[in-house]
Structures are given as structure tokens and as C-alpha cells.
All heavy atoms as atom14 arrays in JSON, in Angstrom:
{
  "sequence": "LVQAGDSLRLSCAASGRTFSSYDMGWFRQAPGKEREFVAA",
  "atom14_mask": [
    [1, 1, 1, 1, 1, 1, 1, 1, 0, 0, 0, 0, 0, 0],
    [1, 1, 1, 1, 1, 1, 1, 0, 0, 0, 0, 0, 0, 0],
    [1, 1, 1, 1, 1, 1, 1, 1, 1, 0, 0, 0, 0, 0],
    [1, 1, 1, 1, 1, 0, 0, 0, 0, 0, 0, 0, 0, 0],
    [1, 1, 1, 1, 0, 0, 0, 0, 0, 0, 0, 0, 0, 0],
    [1, 1, 1, 1, 1, 1, 1, 1, 0, 0, 0, 0, 0, 0],
    [1, 1, 1, 1, 1, 1, 0, 0, 0, 0, 0, 0, 0, 0],
    [1, 1, 1, 1, 1, 1, 1, 1, 0, 0, 0, 0, 0, 0],
    [1, 1, 1, 1, 1, 1, 1, 1, 1, 1, 1, 0, 0, 0],
    [1, 1, 1, 1, 1, 1, 1, 1, 0, 0, 0, 0, 0, 0],
    [1, 1, 1, 1, 1, 1, 0, 0, 0, 0, 0, 0, 0, 0],
    [1, 1, 1, 1, 1, 1, 0, 0, 0, 0, 0, 0, 0, 0],
    [1, 1, 1, 1, 1, 0, 0, 0, 0, 0, 0, 0, 0, 0],
    [1, 1, 1, 1, 1, 0, 0, 0, 0, 0, 0, 0, 0, 0],
    [1, 1, 1, 1, 1, 1, 0, 0, 0, 0, 0, 0, 0, 0],
    [1, 1, 1, 1, 0, 0, 0, 0, 0, 0, 0, 0, 0, 0],
    [1, 1, 1, 1, 1, 1, 1, 1, 1, 1, 1, 0, 0, 0],
    [1, 1, 1, 1, 1, 1, 1, 0, 0, 0, 0, 0, 0, 0],
    [1, 1, 1, 1, 1, 1, 1, 1, 1, 1, 1, 0, 0, 0],
    [1, 1, 1, 1, 1, 1, 0, 0, 0, 0, 0, 0, 0, 0],
    [1, 1, 1, 1, 1, 1, 0, 0, 0, 0, 0, 0, 0, 0],
    [1, 1, 1, 1, 1, 1, 1, 1, 1, 1, 1, 1, 0, 0],
    [1, 1, 1, 1, 1, 1, 1, 1, 0, 0, 0, 0, 0, 0],
    [1, 1, 1, 1, 1, 1, 1, 1, 0, 0, 0, 0, 0, 0],
    [1, 1, 1, 1, 0, 0, 0, 0, 0, 0, 0, 0, 0, 0],
    [1, 1, 1, 1, 1, 1, 1, 1, 1, 1, 1, 1, 1, 1],
    [1, 1, 1, 1, 1, 1, 1, 1, 1, 1, 1, 0, 0, 0],
    [1, 1, 1, 1, 1, 1, 1, 1, 1, 1, 1, 0, 0, 0],
    [1, 1, 1, 1, 1, 1, 1, 1, 1, 0, 0, 0, 0, 0],
    [1, 1, 1, 1, 1, 0, 0, 0, 0, 0, 0, 0, 0, 0],
    [1, 1, 1, 1, 1, 1, 1, 0, 0, 0, 0, 0, 0, 0],
    [1, 1, 1, 1, 0, 0, 0, 0, 0, 0, 0, 0, 0, 0],
    [1, 1, 1, 1, 1, 1, 1, 1, 1, 0, 0, 0, 0, 0],
    [1, 1, 1, 1, 1, 1, 1, 1, 1, 0, 0, 0, 0, 0],
    [1, 1, 1, 1, 1, 1, 1, 1, 1, 1, 1, 0, 0, 0],
    [1, 1, 1, 1, 1, 1, 1, 1, 1, 0, 0, 0, 0, 0],
    [1, 1, 1, 1, 1, 1, 1, 1, 1, 1, 1, 0, 0, 0],
    [1, 1, 1, 1, 1, 1, 1, 0, 0, 0, 0, 0, 0, 0],
    [1, 1, 1, 1, 1, 0, 0, 0, 0, 0, 0, 0, 0, 0],
    [1, 1, 1, 1, 1, 0, 0, 0, 0, 0, 0, 0, 0, 0]
  ],
  "atom14_positions": [
    [[0.83, -1.22, -0.05], [0.04, -0.04, -0.08], [0.92, 1.19, -0.02], [1.73, 1.46, 0.95], [-0.88, 0.02, 1.3], [-1.76, 1.24, 1.45], [-2.79, 1.55, 0.4], [-2.41, 1.08, 2.76], [0.0, 0.0, 0.0], [0.0, 0.0, 0.0], [0.0, 0.0, 0.0], [0.0, 0.0, 0.0], [0.0, 0.0, 0.0], [0.0, 0.0, 0.0]],
    [[0.7, 2.07, -1.01], [1.49, 3.38, -1.1], [0.52, 4.46, -1.36], [-0.64, 4.25, -1.72], [2.62, 3.21, -2.19], [3.59, 2.09, -1.78], [2.1, 2.89, -3.63], [0.0, 0.0, 0.0], [0.0, 0.0, 0.0], [0.0, 0.0, 0.0], [0.0, 0.0, 0.0], [0.0, 0.0, 0.0], [0.0, 0.0, 0.0], [0.0, 0.0, 0.0]],
    [[1.14, 5.63, -1.3], [0.36, 6.93, -1.66], [0.68, 7.16, -3.09], [1.73, 6.97, -3.69], [0.7, 7.97, -0.74], [0.26, 7.77, 0.69], [0.46, 8.91, 1.57], [1.38, 9.79, 1.33], [-0.37, 8.98, 2.64], [0.0, 0.0, 0.0], [0.0, 0.0, 0.0], [0.0, 0.0, 0.0], [0.0, 0.0, 0.0], [0.0, 0.0, 0.0]],
    [[-0.23, 7.93, -3.61], [-0.1, 8.62, -4.97], [1.26, 9.32, -5.1], [1.56, 10.13, -4.21], [-1.28, 9.45, -5.43], [0.0, 0.0, 0.0], [0.0, 0.0, 0.0], [0.0, 0.0, 0.0], [0.0, 0.0, 0.0], [0.0, 0.0, 0.0], [0.0, 0.0, 0.0], [0.0, 0.0, 0.0], [0.0, 0.0, 0.0], [0.0, 0.0, 0.0]],
    [[2.08, 9.1, -6.11], [3.23, 9.74, -6.29], [4.56, 8.92, -5.72], [5.69, 9.21, -6.15], [0.0, 0.0, 0.0], [0.0, 0.0, 0.0], [0.0, 0.0, 0.0], [0.0, 0.0, 0.0], [0.0, 0.0, 0.0], [0.0, 0.0, 0.0], [0.0, 0.0, 0.0], [0.0, 0.0, 0.0], [0.0, 0.0, 0.0], [0.0, 0.0, 0.0]],
    [[4.17, 7.92, -5.09], [5.32, 7.02, -4.44], [5.78, 6.12, -5.52], [5.26, 5.98, -6.66], [4.74, 6.24, -3.22], [4.56, 7.14, -2.0], [5.0, 8.34, -2.08], [3.99, 6.65, -1.01], [0.0, 0.0, 0.0], [0.0, 0.0, 0.0], [0.0, 0.0, 0.0], [0.0, 0.0, 0.0], [0.0, 0.0, 0.0], [0.0, 0.0, 0.0]],
    [[6.96, 5.36, -5.15], [7.49, 4.38, -5.94], [7.48, 3.07, -5.23], [7.34, 2.98, -4.05], [8.99, 4.84, -6.18], [9.06, 5.99, -6.96], [0.0, 0.0, 0.0], [0.0, 0.0, 0.0], [0.0, 0.0, 0.0], [0.0, 0.0, 0.0], [0.0, 0.0, 0.0], [0.0, 0.0, 0.0], [0.0, 0.0, 0.0], [0.0, 0.0, 0.0]],
    [[7.58, 2.11, -6.12], [7.53, 0.62, -5.56], [8.3, -0.16, -6.6], [8.18, 0.03, -7.87], [5.99, 0.19, -5.45], [5.71, -0.9, -4.48], [6.11, -0.51, -3.04], [4.18, -1.13, -4.52], [0.0, 0.0, 0.0], [0.0, 0.0, 0.0], [0.0, 0.0, 0.0], [0.0, 0.0, 0.0], [0.0, 0.0, 0.0], [0.0, 0.0, 0.0]],
    [[8.99, -1.19, -6.16], [9.64, -2.07, -7.05], [9.12, -3.52, -6.71], [9.21, -4.1, -5.72], [11.19, -2.14, -6.85], [11.87, -2.94, -7.97], [13.28, -2.87, -7.88], [13.92, -3.82, -6.83], [15.19, -4.22, -6.78], [15.93, -3.82, -7.75], [15.52, -5.05, -5.83], [0.0, 0.0, 0.0], [0.0, 0.0, 0.0], [0.0, 0.0, 0.0]],
    [[8.6, -4.17, -7.73], [8.11, -5.54, -7.74], [9.33, -6.45, -8.17], [10.09, -6.01, -9.09], [6.88, -5.7, -8.63], [5.74, -4.87, -8.4], [4.59, -5.3, -9.22], [5.33, -4.88, -6.84], [0.0, 0.0, 0.0], [0.0, 0.0, 0.0], [0.0, 0.0, 0.0], [0.0, 0.0, 0.0], [0.0, 0.0, 0.0], [0.0, 0.0, 0.0]],
    [[9.32, -7.65, -7.58], [10.32, -8.68, -8.03], [9.61, -9.87, -8.33], [8.55, -10.23, -7.81], [11.35, -8.92, -6.92], [12.12, -7.66, -6.61], [0.0, 0.0, 0.0], [0.0, 0.0, 0.0], [0.0, 0.0, 0.0], [0.0, 0.0, 0.0], [0.0, 0.0, 0.0], [0.0, 0.0, 0.0], [0.0, 0.0, 0.0], [0.0, 0.0, 0.0]],
    [[10.17, -10.6, -9.31], [9.71, -11.88, -9.65], [10.85, -12.86, -9.79], [11.58, -12.71, -10.68], [8.84, -11.88, -10.96], [8.36, -13.47, -11.58], [0.0, 0.0, 0.0], [0.0, 0.0, 0.0], [0.0, 0.0, 0.0], [0.0, 0.0, 0.0], [0.0, 0.0, 0.0], [0.0, 0.0, 0.0], [0.0, 0.0, 0.0], [0.0, 0.0, 0.0]],
    [[10.83, -13.84, -8.78], [11.9, -14.8, -8.81], [11.47, -16.04, -9.56], [10.34, -16.56, -9.23], [12.43, -15.13, -7.38], [0.0, 0.0, 0.0], [0.0, 0.0, 0.0], [0.0, 0.0, 0.0], [0.0, 0.0, 0.0], [0.0, 0.0, 0.0], [0.0, 0.0, 0.0], [0.0, 0.0, 0.0], [0.0, 0.0, 0.0], [0.0, 0.0, 0.0]],
    [[12.27, -16.57, -10.46], [11.97, -17.72, -11.16], [12.77, -18.95, -10.92], [14.01, -18.86, -10.69], [12.11, -17.46, -12.73], [0.0, 0.0, 0.0], [0.0, 0.0, 0.0], [0.0, 0.0, 0.0], [0.0, 0.0, 0.0], [0.0, 0.0, 0.0], [0.0, 0.0, 0.0], [0.0, 0.0, 0.0], [0.0, 0.0, 0.0], [0.0, 0.0, 0.0]],
    [[12.21, -20.16, -10.83], [12.9, -21.42, -10.67], [13.4, -21.86, -12.07], [12.94, -21.27, -13.07], [12.08, -22.29, -10.03], [11.0, -22.72, -10.97], [0.0, 0.0, 0.0], [0.0, 0.0, 0.0], [0.0, 0.0, 0.0], [0.0, 0.0, 0.0], [0.0, 0.0, 0.0], [0.0, 0.0, 0.0], [0.0, 0.0, 0.0], [0.0, 0.0, 0.0]],
    [[14.3, -22.77, -11.95], [14.63, -23.35, -13.39], [15.98, -22.83, -13.86], [16.35, -21.69, -13.48], [0.0, 0.0, 0.0], [0.0, 0.0, 0.0], [0.0, 0.0, 0.0], [0.0, 0.0, 0.0], [0.0, 0.0, 0.0], [0.0, 0.0, 0.0], [0.0, 0.0, 0.0], [0.0, 0.0, 0.0], [0.0, 0.0, 0.0], [0.0, 0.0, 0.0]],
    [[16.71, -23.54, -14.8], [17.9, -23.11, -15.3], [17.81, -22.4, -16.61], [18.76, -22.1, -17.16], [18.75, -24.29, -15.46], [19.16, -25.09, -14.09], [19.95, -26.3, -14.36], [19.02, -27.27, -15.08], [19.48, -28.46, -15.46], [20.81, -28.82, -15.21], [18.68, -29.42, -15.93], [0.0, 0.0, 0.0], [0.0, 0.0, 0.0], [0.0, 0.0, 0.0]],
    [[16.6, -22.32, -17.22], [16.45, -21.74, -18.51], [15.74, -20.37, -18.49], [15.18, -19.9, -19.46], [15.58, -22.68, -19.32], [14.35, -22.95, -18.81], [16.29, -23.99, -19.49], [0.0, 0.0, 0.0], [0.0, 0.0, 0.0], [0.0, 0.0, 0.0], [0.0, 0.0, 0.0], [0.0, 0.0, 0.0], [0.0, 0.0, 0.0], [0.0, 0.0, 0.0]],
    [[16.04, -19.74, -17.42], [15.17, -18.36, -17.23], [15.52, -17.39, -18.45], [14.71, -16.77, -18.91], [15.68, -17.69, -15.98], [15.12, -16.34, -15.8], [13.85, -16.04, -15.36], [15.99, -15.33, -15.89], [13.37, -14.81, -15.15], [15.6, -13.93, -15.71], [14.28, -13.75, -15.27], [0.0, 0.0, 0.0], [0.0, 0.0, 0.0], [0.0, 0.0, 0.0]],
    [[16.83, -17.37, -18.8], [17.33, -16.47, -19.8], [16.62, -16.76, -21.14], [16.76, -15.88, -21.99], [18.86, -16.52, -19.86], [19.21, -17.9, -20.23], [0.0, 0.0, 0.0], [0.0, 0.0, 0.0], [0.0, 0.0, 0.0], [0.0, 0.0, 0.0], [0.0, 0.0, 0.0], [0.0, 0.0, 0.0], [0.0, 0.0, 0.0], [0.0, 0.0, 0.0]],
    [[16.16, -17.92, -21.37], [15.59, -18.23, -22.6], [14.09, -17.79, -22.72], [13.45, -18.07, -23.83], [15.74, -19.77, -22.94], [14.84, -20.47, -22.07], [0.0, 0.0, 0.0], [0.0, 0.0, 0.0], [0.0, 0.0, 0.0], [0.0, 0.0, 0.0], [0.0, 0.0, 0.0], [0.0, 0.0, 0.0], [0.0, 0.0, 0.0], [0.0, 0.0, 0.0]],
    [[13.44, -17.35, -21.7], [12.14, -16.84, -21.63], [12.02, -15.44, -21.76], [12.71, -14.56, -21.14], [11.4, -17.37, -20.35], [11.13, -18.77, -20.31], [12.09, -19.68, -19.7], [9.9, -19.34, -20.63], [11.82, -21.08, -19.75], [9.62, -20.75, -20.72], [10.59, -21.56, -20.24], [10.32, -22.95, -20.13], [0.0, 0.0, 0.0], [0.0, 0.0, 0.0]],
    [[10.92, -14.98, -22.57], [10.45, -13.6, -22.37], [9.76, -13.56, -20.93], [9.05, -14.49, -20.66], [9.34, -13.29, -23.56], [9.96, -13.29, -24.87], [11.24, -13.0, -25.13], [9.41, -13.73, -25.78], [0.0, 0.0, 0.0], [0.0, 0.0, 0.0], [0.0, 0.0, 0.0], [0.0, 0.0, 0.0], [0.0, 0.0, 0.0], [0.0, 0.0, 0.0]],
    [[9.94, -12.33, -20.39], [9.28, -12.11, -19.13], [8.34, -10.94, -19.21], [8.71, -9.92, -19.79], [10.29, -11.87, -18.06], [11.21, -12.94, -17.92], [10.42, -14.54, -17.31], [9.72, -14.02, -15.82], [0.0, 0.0, 0.0], [0.0, 0.0, 0.0], [0.0, 0.0, 0.0], [0.0, 0.0, 0.0], [0.0, 0.0, 0.0], [0.0, 0.0, 0.0]],
    [[7.1, -11.03, -18.56], [6.17, -10.02, -18.75], [5.54, -9.67, -17.36], [5.5, -10.56, -16.48], [0.0, 0.0, 0.0], [0.0, 0.0, 0.0], [0.0, 0.0, 0.0], [0.0, 0.0, 0.0], [0.0, 0.0, 0.0], [0.0, 0.0, 0.0], [0.0, 0.0, 0.0], [0.0, 0.0, 0.0], [0.0, 0.0, 0.0], [0.0, 0.0, 0.0]],
    [[4.9, -8.55, -17.17], [4.16, -8.17, -16.1], [2.78, -7.72, -16.61], [2.72, -6.93, -17.61], [4.76, -6.83, -15.41], [5.98, -7.25, -14.57], [7.31, -7.07, -14.85], [6.0, -7.78, -13.23], [8.12, -7.44, -13.89], [7.31, -7.89, -12.75], [5.03, -8.16, -12.29], [7.77, -8.38, -11.57], [5.39, -8.57, -11.04], [6.73, -8.8, -10.61]],
    [[1.84, -8.38, -15.88], [0.4, -8.03, -16.33], [-0.24, -7.61, -14.97], [0.26, -7.71, -13.91], [-0.27, -9.12, -16.8], [0.14, -9.6, -18.2], [1.27, -10.19, -18.46], [-0.72, -9.29, -19.21], [1.79, -10.5, -19.71], [-0.22, -9.74, -20.6], [0.92, -10.3, -20.78], [0.0, 0.0, 0.0], [0.0, 0.0, 0.0], [0.0, 0.0, 0.0]],
    [[-1.45, -6.91, -15.1], [-2.13, -6.49, -13.82], [-3.63, -6.68, -14.07], [-4.22, -6.66, -15.3], [-1.8, -5.13, -13.42], [-2.28, -4.06, -14.42], [-1.7, -2.66, -14.01], [-2.2, -1.62, -14.99], [-1.71, -0.35, -14.95], [-0.88, 0.03, -13.89], [-2.29, 0.51, -15.77], [0.0, 0.0, 0.0], [0.0, 0.0, 0.0], [0.0, 0.0, 0.0]],
    [[-4.3, -6.91, -12.98], [-5.74, -6.97, -13.02], [-6.37, -6.14, -11.96], [-6.18, -6.47, -10.76], [-6.29, -8.45, -12.86], [-7.72, -8.72, -13.17], [-8.11, -10.03, -13.34], [-7.35, -10.94, -12.92], [-9.14, -10.34, -13.99], [0.0, 0.0, 0.0], [0.0, 0.0, 0.0], [0.0, 0.0, 0.0], [0.0, 0.0, 0.0], [0.0, 0.0, 0.0]],
    [[-7.09, -5.19, -12.21], [-7.78, -4.32, -11.21], [-9.14, -4.92, -11.02], [-9.63, -5.77, -11.75], [-7.9, -3.0, -11.79], [0.0, 0.0, 0.0], [0.0, 0.0, 0.0], [0.0, 0.0, 0.0], [0.0, 0.0, 0.0], [0.0, 0.0, 0.0], [0.0, 0.0, 0.0], [0.0, 0.0, 0.0], [0.0, 0.0, 0.0], [0.0, 0.0, 0.0]],
    [[-9.76, -4.56, -9.87], [-11.12, -5.21, -9.57], [-12.17, -4.92, -10.65], [-12.23, -3.79, -10.99], [-11.48, -4.43, -8.22], [-10.18, -4.07, -7.64], [-9.15, -3.77, -8.79], [0.0, 0.0, 0.0], [0.0, 0.0, 0.0], [0.0, 0.0, 0.0], [0.0, 0.0, 0.0], [0.0, 0.0, 0.0], [0.0, 0.0, 0.0], [0.0, 0.0, 0.0]],
    [[-12.85, -5.92, -11.06], [-13.84, -5.74, -12.15], [-13.39, -5.58, -13.44], [-14.15, -5.34, -14.29], [0.0, 0.0, 0.0], [0.0, 0.0, 0.0], [0.0, 0.0, 0.0], [0.0, 0.0, 0.0], [0.0, 0.0, 0.0], [0.0, 0.0, 0.0], [0.0, 0.0, 0.0], [0.0, 0.0, 0.0], [0.0, 0.0, 0.0], [0.0, 0.0, 0.0]],
    [[-12.12, -5.64, -13.68], [-11.56, -5.54, -15.01], [-10.76, -6.81, -15.47], [-10.35, -7.59, -14.71], [-10.64, -4.24, -15.05], [-11.27, -3.01, -14.82], [-10.37, -1.81, -14.97], [-11.03, -0.45, -14.66], [-10.18, 0.73, -14.96], [0.0, 0.0, 0.0], [0.0, 0.0, 0.0], [0.0, 0.0, 0.0], [0.0, 0.0, 0.0], [0.0, 0.0, 0.0]],
    [[-10.47, -6.8, -16.77], [-9.78, -7.96, -17.29], [-8.24, -7.77, -17.03], [-7.83, -6.55, -16.91], [-9.98, -8.11, -18.77], [-11.33, -8.47, -19.19], [-11.75, -8.72, -20.55], [-10.7, -8.58, -21.36], [-12.65, -9.27, -20.97], [0.0, 0.0, 0.0], [0.0, 0.0, 0.0], [0.0, 0.0, 0.0], [0.0, 0.0, 0.0], [0.0, 0.0, 0.0]],
    [[-7.51, -8.67, -17.0], [-6.01, -8.65, -16.91], [-5.46, -7.95, -18.22], [-5.9, -8.2, -19.29], [-5.44, -9.99, -16.64], [-4.06, -9.92, -16.23], [-3.56, -11.19, -15.55], [-3.83, -12.42, -16.3], [-3.61, -13.62, -15.8], [-3.06, -13.79, -14.46], [-3.87, -14.79, -16.48], [0.0, 0.0, 0.0], [0.0, 0.0, 0.0], [0.0, 0.0, 0.0]],
    [[-4.52, -6.96, -17.85], [-3.88, -6.28, -19.04], [-2.46, -6.26, -18.99], [-1.85, -6.4, -17.94], [-4.45, -4.75, -18.97], [-4.09, -4.08, -17.87], [-4.4, -2.64, -17.85], [-5.13, -2.17, -18.74], [-4.03, -1.78, -16.77], [0.0, 0.0, 0.0], [0.0, 0.0, 0.0], [0.0, 0.0, 0.0], [0.0, 0.0, 0.0], [0.0, 0.0, 0.0]],
    [[-1.93, -6.15, -20.1], [-0.45, -6.04, -20.25], [0.14, -4.91, -19.58], [-0.5, -3.81, -19.8], [-0.11, -6.14, -21.7], [1.41, -5.85, -22.0], [2.35, -6.75, -21.86], [1.73, -4.51, -22.55], [3.7, -6.49, -21.98], [3.08, -4.28, -22.81], [4.04, -5.27, -22.61], [0.0, 0.0, 0.0], [0.0, 0.0, 0.0], [0.0, 0.0, 0.0]],
    [[1.31, -4.99, -18.94], [1.92, -3.8, -18.41], [3.27, -3.48, -18.98], [3.59, -2.5, -19.66], [2.24, -3.92, -16.83], [2.89, -2.73, -16.22], [0.74, -4.07, -16.25], [0.0, 0.0, 0.0], [0.0, 0.0, 0.0], [0.0, 0.0, 0.0], [0.0, 0.0, 0.0], [0.0, 0.0, 0.0], [0.0, 0.0, 0.0], [0.0, 0.0, 0.0]],
    [[4.15, -4.57, -19.08], [5.5, -4.41, -19.51], [6.11, -5.63, -19.76], [5.56, -6.71, -19.15], [6.42, -3.6, -18.47], [0.0, 0.0, 0.0], [0.0, 0.0, 0.0], [0.0, 0.0, 0.0], [0.0, 0.0, 0.0], [0.0, 0.0, 0.0], [0.0, 0.0, 0.0], [0.0, 0.0, 0.0], [0.0, 0.0, 0.0], [0.0, 0.0, 0.0]],
    [[7.1, -5.77, -20.62], [7.74, -7.05, -20.92], [9.11, -6.88, -21.29], [9.56, -5.73, -21.86], [7.05, -7.82, -22.08], [0.0, 0.0, 0.0], [0.0, 0.0, 0.0], [0.0, 0.0, 0.0], [0.0, 0.0, 0.0], [0.0, 0.0, 0.0], [0.0, 0.0, 0.0], [0.0, 0.0, 0.0], [0.0, 0.0, 0.0], [0.0, 0.0, 0.0]]
  ]
}
């Protein structure tokens, strides 16, 4: 929980030895909305 204007860093740790061979993406889903692309 943060205030408007603040910063936050999300991390995603992956298992496996082939991480570098995968495209990685971030998506988000707000209440009542469909999941949407954020960044990749």
C-alpha cells in the first residue's frame, strides 16, 4: 500500500535453469476488469 506519487519495486523470482531463454512480462488486473499487459 502506497500513496499517489510514491515508488515501488516488484520482483519476480523464477525457478529453473532456463530463465534467460524466456520472455518475461508483467500484467495486472484491477477489480472488475480484465487482466492487462503492463511491461515485458
